[in-house]
Amino acid sequence: MAEHHEAHEAGHMTWRGYVLIGIILTVITGVEVAIFYIPALAAVLVPTLLVLSATKFILVVLFYMHLKADSPIFSRVFFGPMVLAVFVVVGLVILFKVLPEYGG
């Protein structure tokens, strides 16, 4: 029984941890909704929402999908291509949305 408890402590969070992450995700979602309705933030709306959404995505993957408790190789296999995908998307946005506005 003690071995099971130690394995639980080393590998996964308690229910309180899951509730805390759920509260954090709820707060971030509330901030996203609030930002959408604030006209003064219209210029930074999309980048802000992207950062907040990425934060929620990372929290869900780390804690609810237990990536944090798994072997570090799984983190590298997951986050490496994710970083590459972010760079590709940012590059495409710059190529097709930003550069044409400058007469390119």
PDB file of N, CA and C in Angstrom:
ATOM      1  N   MET A   1       0.823  -1.203   0.000  1.00  0.00           N
ATOM      2  CA  MET A   1       0.000   0.000   0.000  1.00  0.00           C
ATOM      3  C   MET A   1       0.858   1.254   0.000  1.00  0.00           C
ATOM      4  N   ALA A   2       1.935   1.244   0.771  1.00  0.00           N
ATOM      5  CA  ALA A   2       2.822   2.403   0.833  1.00  0.00           C
ATOM      6  C   ALA A   2       3.499   2.631  -0.513  1.00  0.00           C
ATOM      7  N   GLU A   3       3.810   1.540  -1.235  1.00  0.00           N
ATOM      8  CA  GLU A   3       4.438   1.678  -2.537  1.00  0.00           C
ATOM      9  C   GLU A   3       3.491   2.375  -3.518  1.00  0.00           C
ATOM     10  N   HIS A   4       2.211   2.024  -3.456  1.00  0.00           N
ATOM     11  CA  HIS A   4       1.228   2.657  -4.333  1.00  0.00           C
ATOM     12  C   HIS A   4       1.132   4.146  -4.022  1.00  0.00           C
ATOM     13  N   HIS A   5       1.128   4.512  -2.757  1.00  0.00           N
ATOM     14  CA  HIS A   5       1.033   5.910  -2.356  1.00  0.00           C
ATOM     15  C   HIS A   5       2.258   6.683  -2.833  1.00  0.00           C
ATOM     16  N   GLU A   6       3.450   6.103  -2.690  1.00  0.00           N
ATOM     17  CA  GLU A   6       4.668   6.774  -3.139  1.00  0.00           C
ATOM     18  C   GLU A   6       4.672   6.941  -4.653  1.00  0.00           C
ATOM     19  N   ALA A   7       4.208   5.931  -5.373  1.00  0.00           N
ATOM     20  CA  ALA A   7       4.139   6.033  -6.827  1.00  0.00           C
ATOM     21  C   ALA A   7       3.151   7.114  -7.234  1.00  0.00           C
ATOM     22  N   HIS A   8       2.051   7.219  -6.492  1.00  0.00           N
ATOM     23  CA  HIS A   8       1.063   8.253  -6.786  1.00  0.00           C
ATOM     24  C   HIS A   8       1.666   9.635  -6.562  1.00  0.00           C
ATOM     25  N   GLU A   9       2.380   9.808  -5.472  1.00  0.00           N
ATOM     26  CA  GLU A   9       2.996  11.092  -5.167  1.00  0.00           C
ATOM     27  C   GLU A   9       4.040  11.464  -6.203  1.00  0.00           C
ATOM     28  N   ALA A  10       4.806  10.498  -6.681  1.00  0.00           N
ATOM     29  CA  ALA A  10       5.885  10.785  -7.618  1.00  0.00           C
ATOM     30  C   ALA A  10       5.355  11.029  -9.026  1.00  0.00           C
ATOM     31  N   GLY A  11       4.248  10.380  -9.403  1.00  0.00           N
ATOM     32  CA  GLY A  11       3.814  10.433 -10.781  1.00  0.00           C
ATOM     33  C   GLY A  11       2.677  11.371 -11.087  1.00  0.00           C
ATOM     34  N   HIS A  12       1.653  11.397 -10.265  1.00  0.00           N
ATOM     35  CA  HIS A  12       0.452  12.152 -10.592  1.00  0.00           C
ATOM     36  C   HIS A  12       0.037  13.050  -9.444  1.00  0.00           C
ATOM     37  N   MET A  13      -0.784  14.014  -9.794  1.00  0.00           N
ATOM     38  CA  MET A  13      -1.272  14.965  -8.802  1.00  0.00           C
ATOM     39  C   MET A  13      -2.450  14.374  -8.028  1.00  0.00           C
ATOM     40  N   THR A  14      -2.788  15.040  -6.950  1.00  0.00           N
ATOM     41  CA  THR A  14      -3.977  14.670  -6.191  1.00  0.00           C
ATOM     42  C   THR A  14      -5.185  15.362  -6.833  1.00  0.00           C
ATOM     43  N   TRP A  15      -6.352  15.073  -6.331  1.00  0.00           N
ATOM     44  CA  TRP A  15      -7.553  15.695  -6.884  1.00  0.00           C
ATOM     45  C   TRP A  15      -7.524  17.207  -6.673  1.00  0.00           C
ATOM     46  N   ARG A  16      -6.879  17.665  -5.606  1.00  0.00           N
ATOM     47  CA  ARG A  16      -6.775  19.118  -5.369  1.00  0.00           C
ATOM     48  C   ARG A  16      -5.973  19.796  -6.478  1.00  0.00           C
ATOM     49  N   GLY A  17      -4.938  19.122  -6.939  1.00  0.00           N
ATOM     50  CA  GLY A  17      -4.140  19.671  -8.034  1.00  0.00           C
ATOM     51  C   GLY A  17      -4.949  19.802  -9.307  1.00  0.00           C
ATOM     52  N   TYR A  18      -5.759  18.784  -9.586  1.00  0.00           N
ATOM     53  CA  TYR A  18      -6.605  18.841 -10.776  1.00  0.00           C
ATOM     54  C   TYR A  18      -7.647  19.949 -10.666  1.00  0.00           C
ATOM     55  N   VAL A  19      -8.200  20.130  -9.491  1.00  0.00           N
ATOM     56  CA  VAL A  19      -9.173  21.210  -9.291  1.00  0.00           C
ATOM     57  C   VAL A  19      -8.490  22.569  -9.461  1.00  0.00           C
ATOM     58  N   LEU A  20      -7.270  22.711  -8.928  1.00  0.00           N
ATOM     59  CA  LEU A  20      -6.531  23.966  -9.064  1.00  0.00           C
ATOM     60  C   LEU A  20      -6.261  24.278 -10.542  1.00  0.00           C
ATOM     61  N   ILE A  21      -5.822  23.283 -11.292  1.00  0.00           N
ATOM     62  CA  ILE A  21      -5.581  23.497 -12.723  1.00  0.00           C
ATOM     63  C   ILE A  21      -6.896  23.842 -13.425  1.00  0.00           C
ATOM     64  N   GLY A  22      -7.986  23.202 -13.028  1.00  0.00           N
ATOM     65  CA  GLY A  22      -9.299  23.522 -13.595  1.00  0.00           C
ATOM     66  C   GLY A  22      -9.698  24.963 -13.314  1.00  0.00           C
ATOM     67  N   ILE A  23      -9.428  25.438 -12.113  1.00  0.00           N
ATOM     68  CA  ILE A  23      -9.735  26.832 -11.763  1.00  0.00           C
ATOM     69  C   ILE A  23      -8.882  27.784 -12.590  1.00  0.00           C
ATOM     70  N   ILE A  24      -7.595  27.461 -12.741  1.00  0.00           N
ATOM     71  CA  ILE A  24      -6.705  28.296 -13.550  1.00  0.00           C
ATOM     72  C   ILE A  24      -7.196  28.345 -14.996  1.00  0.00           C
ATOM     73  N   LEU A  25      -7.598  27.205 -15.543  1.00  0.00           N
ATOM     74  CA  LEU A  25      -8.127  27.174 -16.912  1.00  0.00           C
ATOM     75  C   LEU A  25      -9.407  27.991 -17.033  1.00  0.00           C
ATOM     76  N   THR A  26     -10.246  27.940 -16.019  1.00  0.00           N
ATOM     77  CA  THR A  26     -11.483  28.722 -16.025  1.00  0.00           C
ATOM     78  C   THR A  26     -11.188  30.214 -15.996  1.00  0.00           C
ATOM     79  N   VAL A  27     -10.227  30.617 -15.174  1.00  0.00           N
ATOM     80  CA  VAL A  27      -9.847  32.034 -15.096  1.00  0.00           C
ATOM     81  C   VAL A  27      -9.285  32.509 -16.437  1.00  0.00           C
ATOM     82  N   ILE A  28      -8.421  31.709 -17.044  1.00  0.00           N
ATOM     83  CA  ILE A  28      -7.859  32.087 -18.338  1.00  0.00           C
ATOM     84  C   ILE A  28      -8.968  32.217 -19.384  1.00  0.00           C
ATOM     85  N   THR A  29      -9.935  31.311 -19.367  1.00  0.00           N
ATOM     86  CA  THR A  29     -11.063  31.396 -20.300  1.00  0.00           C
ATOM     87  C   THR A  29     -11.871  32.669 -20.048  1.00  0.00           C
ATOM     88  N   GLY A  30     -12.088  33.004 -18.787  1.00  0.00           N
ATOM     89  CA  GLY A  30     -12.788  34.246 -18.458  1.00  0.00           C
ATOM     90  C   GLY A  30     -12.045  35.477 -18.957  1.00  0.00           C
ATOM     91  N   VAL A  31     -10.722  35.457 -18.830  1.00  0.00           N
ATOM     92  CA  VAL A  31      -9.909  36.570 -19.331  1.00  0.00           C
ATOM     93  C   VAL A  31     -10.030  36.658 -20.852  1.00  0.00           C
ATOM     94  N   GLU A  32     -10.033  35.513 -21.522  1.00  0.00           N
ATOM     95  CA  GLU A  32     -10.193  35.509 -22.980  1.00  0.00           C
ATOM     96  C   GLU A  32     -11.525  36.142 -23.390  1.00  0.00           C
ATOM     97  N   VAL A  33     -12.586  35.770 -22.719  1.00  0.00           N
ATOM     98  CA  VAL A  33     -13.905  36.321 -23.045  1.00  0.00           C
ATOM     99  C   VAL A  33     -13.933  37.816 -22.756  1.00  0.00           C
ATOM    100  N   ALA A  34     -13.369  38.239 -21.626  1.00  0.00           N
ATOM    101  CA  ALA A  34     -13.351  39.660 -21.261  1.00  0.00           C
ATOM    102  C   ALA A  34     -12.548  40.478 -22.265  1.00  0.00           C
ATOM    103  N   ILE A  35     -11.404  39.961 -22.693  1.00  0.00           N
ATOM    104  CA  ILE A  35     -10.560  40.674 -23.650  1.00  0.00           C
ATOM    105  C   ILE A  35     -11.305  40.904 -24.957  1.00  0.00           C
ATOM    106  N   PHE A  36     -12.111  39.943 -25.358  1.00  0.00           N
ATOM    107  CA  PHE A  36     -12.859  40.067 -26.605  1.00  0.00           C
ATOM    108  C   PHE A  36     -13.817  41.262 -26.571  1.00  0.00           C
ATOM    109  N   TYR A  37     -14.338  41.602 -25.396  1.00  0.00           N
ATOM    110  CA  TYR A  37     -15.321  42.678 -25.280  1.00  0.00           C
ATOM    111  C   TYR A  37     -14.725  44.023 -24.885  1.00  0.00           C
ATOM    112  N   ILE A  38     -13.413  44.132 -24.794  1.00  0.00           N
ATOM    113  CA  ILE A  38     -12.765  45.405 -24.455  1.00  0.00           C
ATOM    114  C   ILE A  38     -12.259  46.044 -25.746  1.00  0.00           C
ATOM    115  N   PRO A  39     -12.909  47.105 -26.201  1.00  0.00           N
ATOM    116  CA  PRO A  39     -12.531  47.720 -27.483  1.00  0.00           C
ATOM    117  C   PRO A  39     -11.093  48.244 -27.510  1.00  0.00           C
ATOM    118  N   ALA A  40     -10.567  48.696 -26.396  1.00  0.00           N
ATOM    119  CA  ALA A  40      -9.216  49.251 -26.361  1.00  0.00           C
ATOM    120  C   ALA A  40      -8.157  48.198 -26.673  1.00  0.00           C
ATOM    121  N   LEU A  41      -8.491  46.932 -26.527  1.00  0.00           N
ATOM    122  CA  LEU A  41      -7.525  45.863 -26.770  1.00  0.00           C
ATOM    123  C   LEU A  41      -7.675  45.232 -28.153  1.00  0.00           C
ATOM    124  N   ALA A  42      -8.426  45.885 -29.036  1.00  0.00           N
ATOM    125  CA  ALA A  42      -8.678  45.319 -30.365  1.00  0.00           C
ATOM    126  C   ALA A  42      -7.387  45.116 -31.158  1.00  0.00           C
ATOM    127  N   ALA A  43      -6.421  45.995 -30.967  1.00  0.00           N
ATOM    128  CA  ALA A  43      -5.168  45.896 -31.728  1.00  0.00           C
ATOM    129  C   ALA A  43      -4.345  44.671 -31.329  1.00  0.00           C
ATOM    130  N   VAL A  44      -4.468  44.243 -30.094  1.00  0.00           N
ATOM    131  CA  VAL A  44      -3.676  43.099 -29.610  1.00  0.00           C
ATOM    132  C   VAL A  44      -4.554  41.889 -29.323  1.00  0.00           C
ATOM    133  N   LEU A  45      -5.761  41.898 -29.858  1.00  0.00           N
ATOM    134  CA  LEU A  45      -6.715  40.826 -29.566  1.00  0.00           C
ATOM    135  C   LEU A  45      -6.203  39.461 -30.002  1.00  0.00           C
ATOM    136  N   VAL A  46      -5.829  39.331 -31.249  1.00  0.00           N
ATOM    137  CA  VAL A  46      -5.439  38.021 -31.779  1.00  0.00           C
ATOM    138  C   VAL A  46      -4.171  37.492 -31.105  1.00  0.00           C
ATOM    139  N   PRO A  47      -3.083  38.281 -30.999  1.00  0.00           N
ATOM    140  CA  PRO A  47      -1.899  37.733 -30.321  1.00  0.00           C
ATOM    141  C   PRO A  47      -2.163  37.346 -28.862  1.00  0.00           C
ATOM    142  N   THR A  48      -2.952  38.154 -28.175  1.00  0.00           N
ATOM    143  CA  THR A  48      -3.256  37.858 -26.771  1.00  0.00           C
ATOM    144  C   THR A  48      -4.060  36.565 -26.649  1.00  0.00           C
ATOM    145  N   LEU A  49      -5.073  36.410 -27.493  1.00  0.00           N
ATOM    146  CA  LEU A  49      -5.877  35.192 -27.450  1.00  0.00           C
ATOM    147  C   LEU A  49      -5.047  33.961 -27.830  1.00  0.00           C
ATOM    148  N   LEU A  50      -4.133  34.111 -28.762  1.00  0.00           N
ATOM    149  CA  LEU A  50      -3.264  32.990 -29.138  1.00  0.00           C
ATOM    150  C   LEU A  50      -2.363  32.568 -27.979  1.00  0.00           C
ATOM    151  N   VAL A  51      -1.804  33.541 -27.285  1.00  0.00           N
ATOM    152  CA  VAL A  51      -0.933  33.224 -26.148  1.00  0.00           C
ATOM    153  C   VAL A  51      -1.737  32.563 -25.027  1.00  0.00           C
ATOM    154  N   LEU A  52      -2.905  33.094 -24.729  1.00  0.00           N
ATOM    155  CA  LEU A  52      -3.735  32.506 -23.675  1.00  0.00           C
ATOM    156  C   LEU A  52      -4.208  31.101 -24.060  1.00  0.00           C
ATOM    157  N   SER A  53      -4.568  30.913 -25.309  1.00  0.00           N
ATOM    158  CA  SER A  53      -4.991  29.583 -25.758  1.00  0.00           C
ATOM    159  C   SER A  53      -3.835  28.588 -25.709  1.00  0.00           C
ATOM    160  N   ALA A  54      -2.647  29.025 -26.097  1.00  0.00           N
ATOM    161  CA  ALA A  54      -1.474  28.149 -26.027  1.00  0.00           C
ATOM    162  C   ALA A  54      -1.166  27.788 -24.584  1.00  0.00           C
ATOM    163  N   THR A  55      -1.331  28.729 -23.679  1.00  0.00           N
ATOM    164  CA  THR A  55      -1.110  28.465 -22.252  1.00  0.00           C
ATOM    165  C   THR A  55      -2.083  27.401 -21.750  1.00  0.00           C
ATOM    166  N   LYS A  56      -3.355  27.539 -22.120  1.00  0.00           N
ATOM    167  CA  LYS A  56      -4.340  26.531 -21.714  1.00  0.00           C
ATOM    168  C   LYS A  56      -4.010  25.170 -22.316  1.00  0.00           C
ATOM    169  N   PHE A  57      -3.617  25.153 -23.565  1.00  0.00           N
ATOM    170  CA  PHE A  57      -3.264  23.910 -24.232  1.00  0.00           C
ATOM    171  C   PHE A  57      -2.110  23.214 -23.512  1.00  0.00           C
ATOM    172  N   ILE A  58      -1.092  23.969 -23.166  1.00  0.00           N
ATOM    173  CA  ILE A  58       0.071  23.398 -22.476  1.00  0.00           C
ATOM    174  C   ILE A  58      -0.322  22.870 -21.100  1.00  0.00           C
ATOM    175  N   LEU A  59      -1.147  23.608 -20.370  1.00  0.00           N
ATOM    176  CA  LEU A  59      -1.591  23.134 -19.055  1.00  0.00           C
ATOM    177  C   LEU A  59      -2.376  21.825 -19.165  1.00  0.00           C
ATOM    178  N   VAL A  60      -3.260  21.747 -20.135  1.00  0.00           N
ATOM    179  CA  VAL A  60      -4.049  20.521 -20.313  1.00  0.00           C
ATOM    180  C   VAL A  60      -3.144  19.349 -20.656  1.00  0.00           C
ATOM    181  N   VAL A  61      -2.214  19.566 -21.567  1.00  0.00           N
ATOM    182  CA  VAL A  61      -1.318  18.476 -21.977  1.00  0.00           C
ATOM    183  C   VAL A  61      -0.419  18.040 -20.828  1.00  0.00           C
ATOM    184  N   LEU A  62       0.125  18.996 -20.087  1.00  0.00           N
ATOM    185  CA  LEU A  62       1.040  18.644 -18.994  1.00  0.00           C
ATOM    186  C   LEU A  62       0.348  17.911 -17.860  1.00  0.00           C
ATOM    187  N   PHE A  63      -0.825  18.379 -17.467  1.00  0.00           N
ATOM    188  CA  PHE A  63      -1.437  17.850 -16.248  1.00  0.00           C
ATOM    189  C   PHE A  63      -2.545  16.840 -16.509  1.00  0.00           C
ATOM    190  N   TYR A  64      -3.491  17.148 -17.385  1.00  0.00           N
ATOM    191  CA  TYR A  64      -4.605  16.230 -17.600  1.00  0.00           C
ATOM    192  C   TYR A  64      -4.230  15.051 -18.491  1.00  0.00           C
ATOM    193  N   MET A  65      -3.254  15.261 -19.382  1.00  0.00           N
ATOM    194  CA  MET A  65      -2.786  14.162 -20.224  1.00  0.00           C
ATOM    195  C   MET A  65      -1.514  13.536 -19.652  1.00  0.00           C
ATOM    196  N   HIS A  66      -1.115  13.980 -18.470  1.00  0.00           N
ATOM    197  CA  HIS A  66      -0.029  13.399 -17.682  1.00  0.00           C
ATOM    198  C   HIS A  66       1.329  13.432 -18.366  1.00  0.00           C
ATOM    199  N   LEU A  67       1.556  14.364 -19.261  1.00  0.00           N
ATOM    200  CA  LEU A  67       2.851  14.460 -19.928  1.00  0.00           C
ATOM    201  C   LEU A  67       3.949  14.849 -18.943  1.00  0.00           C
ATOM    202  N   LYS A  68       3.583  15.614 -17.936  1.00  0.00           N
ATOM    203  CA  LYS A  68       4.554  16.034 -16.924  1.00  0.00           C
ATOM    204  C   LYS A  68       5.092  14.839 -16.135  1.00  0.00           C
ATOM    205  N   ALA A  69       4.275  13.832 -15.929  1.00  0.00           N
ATOM    206  CA  ALA A  69       4.667  12.671 -15.130  1.00  0.00           C
ATOM    207  C   ALA A  69       5.346  11.588 -15.962  1.00  0.00           C
ATOM    208  N   ASP A  70       5.289  11.697 -17.293  1.00  0.00           N
ATOM    209  CA  ASP A  70       5.888  10.690 -18.159  1.00  0.00           C
ATOM    210  C   ASP A  70       7.371  10.939 -18.353  1.00  0.00           C
ATOM    211  N   SER A  71       7.986  10.051 -19.093  1.00  0.00           N
ATOM    212  CA  SER A  71       9.404  10.167 -19.415  1.00  0.00           C
ATOM    213  C   SER A  71       9.671  11.462 -20.185  1.00  0.00           C
ATOM    214  N   PRO A  72      10.811  12.095 -19.950  1.00  0.00           N
ATOM    215  CA  PRO A  72      11.138  13.346 -20.664  1.00  0.00           C
ATOM    216  C   PRO A  72      11.189  13.199 -22.186  1.00  0.00           C
ATOM    217  N   ILE A  73      11.426  12.010 -22.678  1.00  0.00           N
ATOM    218  CA  ILE A  73      11.465  11.816 -24.133  1.00  0.00           C
ATOM    219  C   ILE A  73      10.109  12.122 -24.755  1.00  0.00           C
ATOM    220  N   PHE A  74       9.019  11.837 -24.041  1.00  0.00           N
ATOM    221  CA  PHE A  74       7.687  12.139 -24.574  1.00  0.00           C
ATOM    222  C   PHE A  74       7.469  13.647 -24.666  1.00  0.00           C
ATOM    223  N   SER A  75       8.006  14.381 -23.715  1.00  0.00           N
ATOM    224  CA  SER A  75       7.908  15.845 -23.771  1.00  0.00           C
ATOM    225  C   SER A  75       8.640  16.387 -24.987  1.00  0.00           C
ATOM    226  N   ARG A  76       9.836  15.873 -25.242  1.00  0.00           N
ATOM    227  CA  ARG A  76      10.606  16.328 -26.405  1.00  0.00           C
ATOM    228  C   ARG A  76       9.905  15.950 -27.707  1.00  0.00           C
ATOM    229  N   VAL A  77       9.351  14.754 -27.753  1.00  0.00           N
ATOM    230  CA  VAL A  77       8.650  14.314 -28.961  1.00  0.00           C
ATOM    231  C   VAL A  77       7.407  15.174 -29.199  1.00  0.00           C
ATOM    232  N   PHE A  78       6.765  15.637 -28.148  1.00  0.00           N
ATOM    233  CA  PHE A  78       5.560  16.445 -28.281  1.00  0.00           C
ATOM    234  C   PHE A  78       5.886  17.911 -28.546  1.00  0.00           C
ATOM    235  N   PHE A  79       6.735  18.505 -27.700  1.00  0.00           N
ATOM    236  CA  PHE A  79       6.967  19.944 -27.777  1.00  0.00           C
ATOM    237  C   PHE A  79       7.880  20.341 -28.937  1.00  0.00           C
ATOM    238  N   GLY A  80       8.769  19.465 -29.374  1.00  0.00           N
ATOM    239  CA  GLY A  80       9.630  19.788 -30.515  1.00  0.00           C
ATOM    240  C   GLY A  80       8.826  20.092 -31.765  1.00  0.00           C
ATOM    241  N   PRO A  81       7.982  19.164 -32.215  1.00  0.00           N
ATOM    242  CA  PRO A  81       7.147  19.461 -33.392  1.00  0.00           C
ATOM    243  C   PRO A  81       6.156  20.603 -33.157  1.00  0.00           C
ATOM    244  N   MET A  82       5.693  20.778 -31.918  1.00  0.00           N
ATOM    245  CA  MET A  82       4.776  21.878 -31.646  1.00  0.00           C
ATOM    246  C   MET A  82       5.467  23.227 -31.878  1.00  0.00           C
ATOM    247  N   VAL A  83       6.710  23.358 -31.422  1.00  0.00           N
ATOM    248  CA  VAL A  83       7.466  24.593 -31.635  1.00  0.00           C
ATOM    249  C   VAL A  83       7.689  24.813 -33.133  1.00  0.00           C
ATOM    250  N   LEU A  84       8.025  23.754 -33.842  1.00  0.00           N
ATOM    251  CA  LEU A  84       8.201  23.856 -35.288  1.00  0.00           C
ATOM    252  C   LEU A  84       6.905  24.308 -35.958  1.00  0.00           C
ATOM    253  N   ALA A  85       5.775  23.760 -35.550  1.00  0.00           N
ATOM    254  CA  ALA A  85       4.482  24.148 -36.124  1.00  0.00           C
ATOM    255  C   ALA A  85       4.173  25.618 -35.851  1.00  0.00           C
ATOM    256  N   VAL A  86       4.499  26.093 -34.661  1.00  0.00           N
ATOM    257  CA  VAL A  86       4.271  27.507 -34.337  1.00  0.00           C
ATOM    258  C   VAL A  86       5.105  28.392 -35.264  1.00  0.00           C
ATOM    259  N   PHE A  87       6.367  28.037 -35.471  1.00  0.00           N
ATOM    260  CA  PHE A  87       7.219  28.823 -36.366  1.00  0.00           C
ATOM    261  C   PHE A  87       6.678  28.815 -37.804  1.00  0.00           C
ATOM    262  N   VAL A  88       6.194  27.682 -38.259  1.00  0.00           N
ATOM    263  CA  VAL A  88       5.642  27.598 -39.612  1.00  0.00           C
ATOM    264  C   VAL A  88       4.397  28.479 -39.738  1.00  0.00           C
ATOM    265  N   VAL A  89       3.506  28.422 -38.755  1.00  0.00           N
ATOM    266  CA  VAL A  89       2.285  29.235 -38.807  1.00  0.00           C
ATOM    267  C   VAL A  89       2.620  30.720 -38.758  1.00  0.00           C
ATOM    268  N   VAL A  90       3.532  31.111 -37.874  1.00  0.00           N
ATOM    269  CA  VAL A  90       3.935  32.527 -37.795  1.00  0.00           C
ATOM    270  C   VAL A  90       4.564  32.958 -39.118  1.00  0.00           C
ATOM    271  N   GLY A  91       5.405  32.110 -39.696  1.00  0.00           N
ATOM    272  CA  GLY A  91       6.015  32.434 -40.986  1.00  0.00           C
ATOM    273  C   GLY A  91       4.979  32.607 -42.084  1.00  0.00           C
ATOM    274  N   LEU A  92       3.969  31.738 -42.112  1.00  0.00           N
ATOM    275  CA  LEU A  92       2.918  31.848 -43.118  1.00  0.00           C
ATOM    276  C   LEU A  92       2.076  33.107 -42.926  1.00  0.00           C
ATOM    277  N   VAL A  93       1.798  33.457 -41.683  1.00  0.00           N
ATOM    278  CA  VAL A  93       1.043  34.689 -41.416  1.00  0.00           C
ATOM    279  C   VAL A  93       1.842  35.890 -41.888  1.00  0.00           C
ATOM    280  N   ILE A  94       3.121  35.905 -41.597  1.00  0.00           N
ATOM    281  CA  ILE A  94       3.970  37.019 -42.051  1.00  0.00           C
ATOM    282  C   ILE A  94       4.005  37.054 -43.579  1.00  0.00           C
ATOM    283  N   LEU A  95       4.167  35.906 -44.191  1.00  0.00           N
ATOM    284  CA  LEU A  95       4.281  35.834 -45.645  1.00  0.00           C
ATOM    285  C   LEU A  95       3.012  36.275 -46.353  1.00  0.00           C
ATOM    286  N   PHE A  96       1.859  35.847 -45.876  1.00  0.00           N
ATOM    287  CA  PHE A  96       0.616  36.099 -46.614  1.00  0.00           C
ATOM    288  C   PHE A  96      -0.233  37.247 -46.069  1.00  0.00           C
ATOM    289  N   LYS A  97       0.002  37.689 -44.859  1.00  0.00           N
ATOM    290  CA  LYS A  97      -0.817  38.780 -44.298  1.00  0.00           C
ATOM    291  C   LYS A  97      -0.018  40.055 -44.060  1.00  0.00           C
ATOM    292  N   VAL A  98       1.175  39.941 -43.545  1.00  0.00           N
ATOM    293  CA  VAL A  98       1.945  41.139 -43.179  1.00  0.00           C
ATOM    294  C   VAL A  98       2.656  41.725 -44.380  1.00  0.00           C
ATOM    295  N   LEU A  99       3.389  40.906 -45.114  1.00  0.00           N
ATOM    296  CA  LEU A  99       4.176  41.421 -46.239  1.00  0.00           C
ATOM    297  C   LEU A  99       3.329  42.051 -47.353  1.00  0.00           C
ATOM    298  N   PRO A 100       2.174  41.468 -47.727  1.00  0.00           N
ATOM    299  CA  PRO A 100       1.371  42.135 -48.775  1.00  0.00           C
ATOM    300  C   PRO A 100       0.897  43.525 -48.382  1.00  0.00           C
ATOM    301  N   GLU A 101       0.723  43.793 -47.106  1.00  0.00           N
ATOM    302  CA  GLU A 101       0.284  45.123 -46.657  1.00  0.00           C
ATOM    303  C   GLU A 101       1.372  46.157 -46.857  1.00  0.00           C
ATOM    304  N   TYR A 102       2.628  45.736 -46.964  1.00  0.00           N
ATOM    305  CA  TYR A 102       3.738  46.643 -47.172  1.00  0.00           C
ATOM    306  C   TYR A 102       4.099  46.756 -48.646  1.00  0.00           C
ATOM    307  N   GLY A 103       3.230  46.289 -49.516  1.00  0.00           N
ATOM    308  CA  GLY A 103       3.446  46.406 -50.952  1.00  0.00           C
ATOM    309  C   GLY A 103       4.422  45.399 -51.504  1.00  0.00           C
ATOM    310  N   GLY A 104       4.598  44.264 -50.764  1.00  0.00           N
ATOM    311  CA  GLY A 104       5.559  43.248 -51.170  1.00  0.00           C
ATOM    312  C   GLY A 104       5.080  42.351 -52.192  1.00  0.00           C
TER     313      GLY A 104
END
